[in-house]
Amino acid sequence: MNEHDKKEVMNLHTAVYEKFGYEMTFFRPPKGEFSERVISIVKDLGYTTAMWSSAYDDWDKEKQNREEYGKNKIINNAHNGAVILLHATS
């Protein structure tokens, strides 16, 4: 993550704070793609990295009419400490 990447993260941070009054403290790497360098830099920016233990393709608009599948995916993967990735588009 270079200076441009740091600026991009902080621009998002500022935009969220200005629009919602919410101070972001967690960072979820897009697509779950990360490196030790990225994690270190994000930590230096003051974020806690949050990953998920279960996700499914609810982001795909062609696969969003699967209510029963979605419920089963969530219920079958629930456990203490579970973080289930759901997308706002579904």
PDB file of N, CA and C in Angstrom:
ATOM      1  N   MET A   1       0.870  -1.167   0.000  1.00  0.00           N
ATOM      2  CA  MET A   1       0.000   0.000   0.000  1.00  0.00           C
ATOM      3  C   MET A   1       0.912   1.222   0.000  1.00  0.00           C
ATOM      4  N   ASN A   2       0.814   2.013  -1.040  1.00  0.00           N
ATOM      5  CA  ASN A   2       1.646   3.201  -1.149  1.00  0.00           C
ATOM      6  C   ASN A   2       0.912   4.433  -0.620  1.00  0.00           C
ATOM      7  N   GLU A   3       1.518   5.590  -0.773  1.00  0.00           N
ATOM      8  CA  GLU A   3       0.898   6.827  -0.270  1.00  0.00           C
ATOM      9  C   GLU A   3      -0.461   7.071  -0.916  1.00  0.00           C
ATOM     10  N   HIS A   4      -0.605   6.724  -2.194  1.00  0.00           N
ATOM     11  CA  HIS A   4      -1.904   6.867  -2.869  1.00  0.00           C
ATOM     12  C   HIS A   4      -2.957   5.999  -2.190  1.00  0.00           C
ATOM     13  N   ASP A   5      -2.590   4.763  -1.856  1.00  0.00           N
ATOM     14  CA  ASP A   5      -3.516   3.844  -1.194  1.00  0.00           C
ATOM     15  C   ASP A   5      -3.903   4.363   0.185  1.00  0.00           C
ATOM     16  N   LYS A   6      -2.919   4.870   0.932  1.00  0.00           N
ATOM     17  CA  LYS A   6      -3.202   5.435   2.256  1.00  0.00           C
ATOM     18  C   LYS A   6      -4.180   6.593   2.127  1.00  0.00           C
ATOM     19  N   LYS A   7      -3.937   7.443   1.128  1.00  0.00           N
ATOM     20  CA  LYS A   7      -4.818   8.598   0.914  1.00  0.00           C
ATOM     21  C   LYS A   7      -6.230   8.134   0.556  1.00  0.00           C
ATOM     22  N   GLU A   8      -6.323   7.082  -0.246  1.00  0.00           N
ATOM     23  CA  GLU A   8      -7.635   6.551  -0.636  1.00  0.00           C
ATOM     24  C   GLU A   8      -8.411   6.072   0.592  1.00  0.00           C
ATOM     25  N   VAL A   9      -7.735   5.343   1.479  1.00  0.00           N
ATOM     26  CA  VAL A   9      -8.382   4.859   2.707  1.00  0.00           C
ATOM     27  C   VAL A   9      -8.819   6.047   3.563  1.00  0.00           C
ATOM     28  N   MET A  10      -7.956   7.027   3.715  1.00  0.00           N
ATOM     29  CA  MET A  10      -8.282   8.162   4.568  1.00  0.00           C
ATOM     30  C   MET A  10      -9.362   9.053   3.936  1.00  0.00           C
ATOM     31  N   ASN A  11      -9.412   9.133   2.607  1.00  0.00           N
ATOM     32  CA  ASN A  11     -10.494   9.869   1.942  1.00  0.00           C
ATOM     33  C   ASN A  11     -11.841   9.206   2.228  1.00  0.00           C
ATOM     34  N   LEU A  12     -11.861   7.861   2.191  1.00  0.00           N
ATOM     35  CA  LEU A  12     -13.086   7.138   2.532  1.00  0.00           C
ATOM     36  C   LEU A  12     -13.453   7.395   3.988  1.00  0.00           C
ATOM     37  N   HIS A  13     -12.460   7.338   4.854  1.00  0.00           N
ATOM     38  CA  HIS A  13     -12.677   7.583   6.278  1.00  0.00           C
ATOM     39  C   HIS A  13     -13.333   8.956   6.478  1.00  0.00           C
ATOM     40  N   THR A  14     -12.785   9.961   5.834  1.00  0.00           N
ATOM     41  CA  THR A  14     -13.305  11.323   5.956  1.00  0.00           C
ATOM     42  C   THR A  14     -14.722  11.431   5.402  1.00  0.00           C
ATOM     43  N   ALA A  15     -14.962  10.820   4.240  1.00  0.00           N
ATOM     44  CA  ALA A  15     -16.290  10.879   3.620  1.00  0.00           C
ATOM     45  C   ALA A  15     -17.347  10.226   4.509  1.00  0.00           C
ATOM     46  N   VAL A  16     -17.027   9.069   5.088  1.00  0.00           N
ATOM     47  CA  VAL A  16     -17.975   8.382   5.971  1.00  0.00           C
ATOM     48  C   VAL A  16     -18.242   9.243   7.200  1.00  0.00           C
ATOM     49  N   TYR A  17     -17.199   9.817   7.753  1.00  0.00           N
ATOM     50  CA  TYR A  17     -17.386  10.641   8.948  1.00  0.00           C
ATOM     51  C   TYR A  17     -18.235  11.879   8.635  1.00  0.00           C
ATOM     52  N   GLU A  18     -17.942  12.543   7.525  1.00  0.00           N
ATOM     53  CA  GLU A  18     -18.696  13.750   7.167  1.00  0.00           C
ATOM     54  C   GLU A  18     -20.156  13.439   6.865  1.00  0.00           C
ATOM     55  N   LYS A  19     -20.436  12.325   6.212  1.00  0.00           N
ATOM     56  CA  LYS A  19     -21.813  11.990   5.835  1.00  0.00           C
ATOM     57  C   LYS A  19     -22.614  11.379   6.980  1.00  0.00           C
ATOM     58  N   PHE A  20     -21.962  10.523   7.801  1.00  0.00           N
ATOM     59  CA  PHE A  20     -22.696   9.772   8.810  1.00  0.00           C
ATOM     60  C   PHE A  20     -22.281  10.068  10.248  1.00  0.00           C
ATOM     61  N   GLY A  21     -21.211  10.835  10.445  1.00  0.00           N
ATOM     62  CA  GLY A  21     -20.728  11.120  11.784  1.00  0.00           C
ATOM     63  C   GLY A  21     -20.160   9.876  12.461  1.00  0.00           C
ATOM     64  N   TYR A  22     -19.718   8.920  11.658  1.00  0.00           N
ATOM     65  CA  TYR A  22     -19.212   7.641  12.159  1.00  0.00           C
ATOM     66  C   TYR A  22     -17.710   7.579  11.945  1.00  0.00           C
ATOM     67  N   GLU A  23     -16.980   7.319  12.994  1.00  0.00           N
ATOM     68  CA  GLU A  23     -15.520   7.196  12.932  1.00  0.00           C
ATOM     69  C   GLU A  23     -15.172   5.732  12.661  1.00  0.00           C
ATOM     70  N   MET A  24     -14.703   5.445  11.463  1.00  0.00           N
ATOM     71  CA  MET A  24     -14.369   4.071  11.094  1.00  0.00           C
ATOM     72  C   MET A  24     -13.158   3.592  11.883  1.00  0.00           C
ATOM     73  N   THR A  25     -13.229   2.360  12.389  1.00  0.00           N
ATOM     74  CA  THR A  25     -12.110   1.780  13.124  1.00  0.00           C
ATOM     75  C   THR A  25     -11.725   0.401  12.589  1.00  0.00           C
ATOM     76  N   PHE A  26     -12.527  -0.148  11.681  1.00  0.00           N
ATOM     77  CA  PHE A  26     -12.251  -1.468  11.121  1.00  0.00           C
ATOM     78  C   PHE A  26     -11.960  -1.354   9.636  1.00  0.00           C
ATOM     79  N   PHE A  27     -11.123  -2.259   9.154  1.00  0.00           N
ATOM     80  CA  PHE A  27     -10.788  -2.331   7.739  1.00  0.00           C
ATOM     81  C   PHE A  27     -11.027  -3.760   7.275  1.00  0.00           C
ATOM     82  N   ARG A  28     -11.849  -3.907   6.241  1.00  0.00           N
ATOM     83  CA  ARG A  28     -12.071  -5.226   5.637  1.00  0.00           C
ATOM     84  C   ARG A  28     -11.475  -5.173   4.246  1.00  0.00           C
ATOM     85  N   PRO A  29     -10.426  -5.942   4.007  1.00  0.00           N
ATOM     86  CA  PRO A  29      -9.806  -5.917   2.683  1.00  0.00           C
ATOM     87  C   PRO A  29     -10.813  -6.333   1.607  1.00  0.00           C
ATOM     88  N   PRO A  30     -10.954  -5.522   0.570  1.00  0.00           N
ATOM     89  CA  PRO A  30     -11.861  -5.895  -0.519  1.00  0.00           C
ATOM     90  C   PRO A  30     -11.506  -7.275  -1.068  1.00  0.00           C
ATOM     91  N   LYS A  31     -12.511  -8.090  -1.255  1.00  0.00           N
ATOM     92  CA  LYS A  31     -12.382  -9.460  -1.747  1.00  0.00           C
ATOM     93  C   LYS A  31     -11.555 -10.339  -0.809  1.00  0.00           C
ATOM     94  N   GLY A  32     -11.214  -9.829   0.355  1.00  0.00           N
ATOM     95  CA  GLY A  32     -10.403 -10.602   1.284  1.00  0.00           C
ATOM     96  C   GLY A  32      -8.949 -10.698   0.865  1.00  0.00           C
ATOM     97  N   GLU A  33      -8.554  -9.872  -0.113  1.00  0.00           N
ATOM     98  CA  GLU A  33      -7.184  -9.909  -0.609  1.00  0.00           C
ATOM     99  C   GLU A  33      -6.324  -8.955   0.216  1.00  0.00           C
ATOM    100  N   PHE A  34      -5.228  -9.465   0.762  1.00  0.00           N
ATOM    101  CA  PHE A  34      -4.364  -8.636   1.586  1.00  0.00           C
ATOM    102  C   PHE A  34      -2.958  -9.213   1.606  1.00  0.00           C
ATOM    103  N   SER A  35      -2.066  -8.434   2.147  1.00  0.00           N
ATOM    104  CA  SER A  35      -0.700  -8.885   2.366  1.00  0.00           C
ATOM    105  C   SER A  35      -0.278  -8.403   3.751  1.00  0.00           C
ATOM    106  N   GLU A  36       0.814  -8.929   4.246  1.00  0.00           N
ATOM    107  CA  GLU A  36       1.315  -8.489   5.547  1.00  0.00           C
ATOM    108  C   GLU A  36       1.615  -6.993   5.516  1.00  0.00           C
ATOM    109  N   ARG A  37       2.111  -6.499   4.393  1.00  0.00           N
ATOM    110  CA  ARG A  37       2.423  -5.078   4.244  1.00  0.00           C
ATOM    111  C   ARG A  37       1.164  -4.229   4.365  1.00  0.00           C
ATOM    112  N   VAL A  38       0.096  -4.636   3.690  1.00  0.00           N
ATOM    113  CA  VAL A  38      -1.166  -3.899   3.752  1.00  0.00           C
ATOM    114  C   VAL A  38      -1.715  -3.904   5.177  1.00  0.00           C
ATOM    115  N   ILE A  39      -1.699  -5.061   5.827  1.00  0.00           N
ATOM    116  CA  ILE A  39      -2.199  -5.156   7.203  1.00  0.00           C
ATOM    117  C   ILE A  39      -1.402  -4.236   8.122  1.00  0.00           C
ATOM    118  N   SER A  40      -0.098  -4.198   7.935  1.00  0.00           N
ATOM    119  CA  SER A  40       0.762  -3.342   8.764  1.00  0.00           C
ATOM    120  C   SER A  40       0.448  -1.861   8.549  1.00  0.00           C
ATOM    121  N   ILE A  41       0.292  -1.472   7.301  1.00  0.00           N
ATOM    122  CA  ILE A  41       0.011  -0.065   6.992  1.00  0.00           C
ATOM    123  C   ILE A  41      -1.352   0.346   7.529  1.00  0.00           C
ATOM    124  N   VAL A  42      -2.356  -0.504   7.346  1.00  0.00           N
ATOM    125  CA  VAL A  42      -3.706  -0.199   7.837  1.00  0.00           C
ATOM    126  C   VAL A  42      -3.691  -0.091   9.365  1.00  0.00           C
ATOM    127  N   LYS A  43      -2.939  -0.974   9.998  1.00  0.00           N
ATOM    128  CA  LYS A  43      -2.799  -0.900  11.457  1.00  0.00           C
ATOM    129  C   LYS A  43      -2.159   0.423  11.860  1.00  0.00           C
ATOM    130  N   ASP A  44      -1.137   0.856  11.126  1.00  0.00           N
ATOM    131  CA  ASP A  44      -0.491   2.144  11.400  1.00  0.00           C
ATOM    132  C   ASP A  44      -1.453   3.312  11.239  1.00  0.00           C
ATOM    133  N   LEU A  45      -2.463   3.144  10.373  1.00  0.00           N
ATOM    134  CA  LEU A  45      -3.493   4.178  10.198  1.00  0.00           C
ATOM    135  C   LEU A  45      -4.538   4.128  11.313  1.00  0.00           C
ATOM    136  N   GLY A  46      -4.443   3.135  12.199  1.00  0.00           N
ATOM    137  CA  GLY A  46      -5.339   3.059  13.348  1.00  0.00           C
ATOM    138  C   GLY A  46      -6.511   2.106  13.207  1.00  0.00           C
ATOM    139  N   TYR A  47      -6.506   1.283  12.161  1.00  0.00           N
ATOM    140  CA  TYR A  47      -7.611   0.362  11.938  1.00  0.00           C
ATOM    141  C   TYR A  47      -7.323  -1.022  12.492  1.00  0.00           C
ATOM    142  N   THR A  48      -8.375  -1.727  12.834  1.00  0.00           N
ATOM    143  CA  THR A  48      -8.311  -3.145  13.144  1.00  0.00           C
ATOM    144  C   THR A  48      -8.804  -3.875  11.905  1.00  0.00           C
ATOM    145  N   THR A  49      -8.036  -4.820  11.425  1.00  0.00           N
ATOM    146  CA  THR A  49      -8.452  -5.577  10.248  1.00  0.00           C
ATOM    147  C   THR A  49      -9.498  -6.603  10.663  1.00  0.00           C
ATOM    148  N   ALA A  50     -10.584  -6.657   9.925  1.00  0.00           N
ATOM    149  CA  ALA A  50     -11.679  -7.594  10.199  1.00  0.00           C
ATOM    150  C   ALA A  50     -11.871  -8.483   8.972  1.00  0.00           C
ATOM    151  N   MET A  51     -11.779  -9.769   9.192  1.00  0.00           N
ATOM    152  CA  MET A  51     -12.035 -10.724   8.121  1.00  0.00           C
ATOM    153  C   MET A  51     -13.346 -11.443   8.450  1.00  0.00           C
ATOM    154  N   TRP A  52     -13.786 -12.289   7.581  1.00  0.00           N
ATOM    155  CA  TRP A  52     -15.028 -13.011   7.818  1.00  0.00           C
ATOM    156  C   TRP A  52     -14.739 -14.508   7.862  1.00  0.00           C
ATOM    157  N   SER A  53     -15.623 -15.212   8.550  1.00  0.00           N
ATOM    158  CA  SER A  53     -15.465 -16.657   8.630  1.00  0.00           C
ATOM    159  C   SER A  53     -16.366 -17.367   7.625  1.00  0.00           C
ATOM    160  N   SER A  54     -17.322 -16.643   7.066  1.00  0.00           N
ATOM    161  CA  SER A  54     -18.226 -17.234   6.090  1.00  0.00           C
ATOM    162  C   SER A  54     -18.765 -16.127   5.191  1.00  0.00           C
ATOM    163  N   ALA A  55     -18.878 -16.449   3.918  1.00  0.00           N
ATOM    164  CA  ALA A  55     -19.447 -15.506   2.951  1.00  0.00           C
ATOM    165  C   ALA A  55     -20.105 -16.306   1.839  1.00  0.00           C
ATOM    166  N   TYR A  56     -20.966 -15.680   1.140  1.00  0.00           N
ATOM    167  CA  TYR A  56     -21.506 -16.312  -0.065  1.00  0.00           C
ATOM    168  C   TYR A  56     -21.777 -15.249  -1.109  1.00  0.00           C
ATOM    169  N   ASP A  57     -22.140 -15.661  -2.285  1.00  0.00           N
ATOM    170  CA  ASP A  57     -22.175 -14.765  -3.436  1.00  0.00           C
ATOM    171  C   ASP A  57     -23.466 -13.942  -3.540  1.00  0.00           C
ATOM    172  N   ASP A  58     -23.882 -13.333  -2.435  1.00  0.00           N
ATOM    173  CA  ASP A  58     -25.078 -12.493  -2.477  1.00  0.00           C
ATOM    174  C   ASP A  58     -24.836 -11.188  -3.229  1.00  0.00           C
ATOM    175  N   TRP A  59     -23.610 -10.856  -3.526  1.00  0.00           N
ATOM    176  CA  TRP A  59     -23.295  -9.662  -4.311  1.00  0.00           C
ATOM    177  C   TRP A  59     -23.718  -9.816  -5.771  1.00  0.00           C
ATOM    178  N   ASP A  60     -23.857 -11.045  -6.234  1.00  0.00           N
ATOM    179  CA  ASP A  60     -24.221 -11.335  -7.625  1.00  0.00           C
ATOM    180  C   ASP A  60     -25.737 -11.200  -7.777  1.00  0.00           C
ATOM    181  N   LYS A  61     -26.178 -10.185  -8.508  1.00  0.00           N
ATOM    182  CA  LYS A  61     -27.618  -9.918  -8.651  1.00  0.00           C
ATOM    183  C   LYS A  61     -28.372 -11.089  -9.275  1.00  0.00           C
ATOM    184  N   GLU A  62     -27.689 -11.909 -10.047  1.00  0.00           N
ATOM    185  CA  GLU A  62     -28.327 -13.079 -10.672  1.00  0.00           C
ATOM    186  C   GLU A  62     -28.591 -14.188  -9.652  1.00  0.00           C
ATOM    187  N   LYS A  63     -27.988 -14.100  -8.477  1.00  0.00           N
ATOM    188  CA  LYS A  63     -28.114 -15.158  -7.480  1.00  0.00           C
ATOM    189  C   LYS A  63     -28.793 -14.670  -6.205  1.00  0.00           C
ATOM    190  N   GLN A  64     -29.528 -13.584  -6.272  1.00  0.00           N
ATOM    191  CA  GLN A  64     -30.105 -13.020  -5.061  1.00  0.00           C
ATOM    192  C   GLN A  64     -31.472 -13.572  -4.692  1.00  0.00           C
ATOM    193  N   ASN A  65     -32.127 -14.272  -5.548  1.00  0.00           N
ATOM    194  CA  ASN A  65     -33.440 -14.845  -5.239  1.00  0.00           C
ATOM    195  C   ASN A  65     -33.304 -16.238  -4.651  1.00  0.00           C
ATOM    196  N   ARG A  66     -32.443 -16.378  -3.654  1.00  0.00           N
ATOM    197  CA  ARG A  66     -32.199 -17.689  -3.056  1.00  0.00           C
ATOM    198  C   ARG A  66     -32.349 -17.561  -1.545  1.00  0.00           C
ATOM    199  N   GLU A  67     -33.527 -17.133  -1.111  1.00  0.00           N
ATOM    200  CA  GLU A  67     -33.748 -16.870   0.310  1.00  0.00           C
ATOM    201  C   GLU A  67     -33.439 -18.089   1.180  1.00  0.00           C
ATOM    202  N   GLU A  68     -33.945 -19.240   0.808  1.00  0.00           N
ATOM    203  CA  GLU A  68     -33.724 -20.448   1.613  1.00  0.00           C
ATOM    204  C   GLU A  68     -32.241 -20.814   1.643  1.00  0.00           C
ATOM    205  N   TYR A  69     -31.586 -20.721   0.498  1.00  0.00           N
ATOM    206  CA  TYR A  69     -30.149 -20.990   0.427  1.00  0.00           C
ATOM    207  C   TYR A  69     -29.384 -20.032   1.345  1.00  0.00           C
ATOM    208  N   GLY A  70     -29.740 -18.760   1.300  1.00  0.00           N
ATOM    209  CA  GLY A  70     -29.073 -17.766   2.146  1.00  0.00           C
ATOM    210  C   GLY A  70     -29.256 -18.056   3.626  1.00  0.00           C
ATOM    211  N   LYS A  71     -30.474 -18.364   4.019  1.00  0.00           N
ATOM    212  CA  LYS A  71     -30.736 -18.696   5.430  1.00  0.00           C
ATOM    213  C   LYS A  71     -29.915 -19.899   5.867  1.00  0.00           C
ATOM    214  N   ASN A  72     -29.904 -20.937   5.039  1.00  0.00           N
ATOM    215  CA  ASN A  72     -29.149 -22.145   5.380  1.00  0.00           C
ATOM    216  C   ASN A  72     -27.649 -21.875   5.448  1.00  0.00           C
ATOM    217  N   LYS A  73     -27.148 -21.074   4.525  1.00  0.00           N
ATOM    218  CA  LYS A  73     -25.724 -20.737   4.514  1.00  0.00           C
ATOM    219  C   LYS A  73     -25.334 -20.036   5.816  1.00  0.00           C
ATOM    220  N   ILE A  74     -26.163 -19.106   6.261  1.00  0.00           N
ATOM    221  CA  ILE A  74     -25.885 -18.370   7.497  1.00  0.00           C
ATOM    222  C   ILE A  74     -26.016 -19.284   8.714  1.00  0.00           C
ATOM    223  N   ILE A  75     -27.128 -19.993   8.813  1.00  0.00           N
ATOM    224  CA  ILE A  75     -27.378 -20.859   9.979  1.00  0.00           C
ATOM    225  C   ILE A  75     -26.325 -21.963  10.076  1.00  0.00           C
ATOM    226  N   ASN A  76     -25.969 -22.563   8.945  1.00  0.00           N
ATOM    227  CA  ASN A  76     -25.016 -23.671   8.972  1.00  0.00           C
ATOM    228  C   ASN A  76     -23.587 -23.224   9.281  1.00  0.00           C
ATOM    229  N   ASN A  77     -23.306 -21.945   9.147  1.00  0.00           N
ATOM    230  CA  ASN A  77     -21.957 -21.446   9.408  1.00  0.00           C
ATOM    231  C   ASN A  77     -21.871 -20.598  10.670  1.00  0.00           C
ATOM    232  N   ALA A  78     -22.964 -20.481  11.404  1.00  0.00           N
ATOM    233  CA  ALA A  78     -22.961 -19.692  12.637  1.00  0.00           C
ATOM    234  C   ALA A  78     -22.224 -20.449  13.742  1.00  0.00           C
ATOM    235  N   HIS A  79     -21.400 -19.725  14.455  1.00  0.00           N
ATOM    236  CA  HIS A  79     -20.694 -20.264  15.616  1.00  0.00           C
ATOM    237  C   HIS A  79     -20.233 -19.075  16.466  1.00  0.00           C
ATOM    238  N   ASN A  80     -19.839 -19.347  17.689  1.00  0.00           N
ATOM    239  CA  ASN A  80     -19.355 -18.269  18.542  1.00  0.00           C
ATOM    240  C   ASN A  80     -18.200 -17.555  17.857  1.00  0.00           C
ATOM    241  N   GLY A  81     -18.310 -16.240  17.746  1.00  0.00           N
ATOM    242  CA  GLY A  81     -17.269 -15.447  17.115  1.00  0.00           C
ATOM    243  C   GLY A  81     -17.378 -15.355  15.598  1.00  0.00           C
ATOM    244  N   ALA A  82     -18.420 -15.938  15.021  1.00  0.00           N
ATOM    245  CA  ALA A  82     -18.562 -15.918  13.561  1.00  0.00           C
ATOM    246  C   ALA A  82     -18.761 -14.492  13.062  1.00  0.00           C
ATOM    247  N   VAL A  83     -18.134 -14.227  11.931  1.00  0.00           N
ATOM    248  CA  VAL A  83     -18.358 -12.978  11.210  1.00  0.00           C
ATOM    249  C   VAL A  83     -18.826 -13.411   9.824  1.00  0.00           C
ATOM    250  N   ILE A  84     -20.069 -13.098   9.501  1.00  0.00           N
ATOM    251  CA  ILE A  84     -20.660 -13.539   8.233  1.00  0.00           C
ATOM    252  C   ILE A  84     -20.763 -12.333   7.321  1.00  0.00           C
ATOM    253  N   LEU A  85     -20.132 -12.430   6.167  1.00  0.00           N
ATOM    254  CA  LEU A  85     -20.094 -11.343   5.203  1.00  0.00           C
ATOM    255  C   LEU A  85     -21.378 -11.349   4.372  1.00  0.00           C
ATOM    256  N   LEU A  86     -22.129 -10.274   4.473  1.00  0.00           N
ATOM    257  CA  LEU A  86     -23.316 -10.046   3.654  1.00  0.00           C
ATOM    258  C   LEU A  86     -23.119  -8.711   2.963  1.00  0.00           C
ATOM    259  N   HIS A  87     -23.665  -8.572   1.777  1.00  0.00           N
ATOM    260  CA  HIS A  87     -23.465  -7.356   0.995  1.00  0.00           C
ATOM    261  C   HIS A  87     -24.731  -6.518   0.947  1.00  0.00           C
ATOM    262  N   ALA A  88     -24.551  -5.227   0.952  1.00  0.00           N
ATOM    263  CA  ALA A  88     -25.677  -4.288   0.941  1.00  0.00           C
ATOM    264  C   ALA A  88     -26.481  -4.371  -0.350  1.00  0.00           C
ATOM    265  N   THR A  89     -25.917  -4.911  -1.400  1.00  0.00           N
ATOM    266  CA  THR A  89     -26.621  -4.985  -2.683  1.00  0.00           C
ATOM    267  C   THR A  89     -27.671  -6.075  -2.719  1.00  0.00           C
ATOM    268  N   SER A  90     -27.640  -6.998  -1.748  1.00  0.00           N
ATOM    269  CA  SER A  90     -28.631  -8.082  -1.784  1.00  0.00           C
ATOM    270  C   SER A  90     -29.746  -7.762  -0.913  1.00  0.00           C
TER     271      SER A  90
END
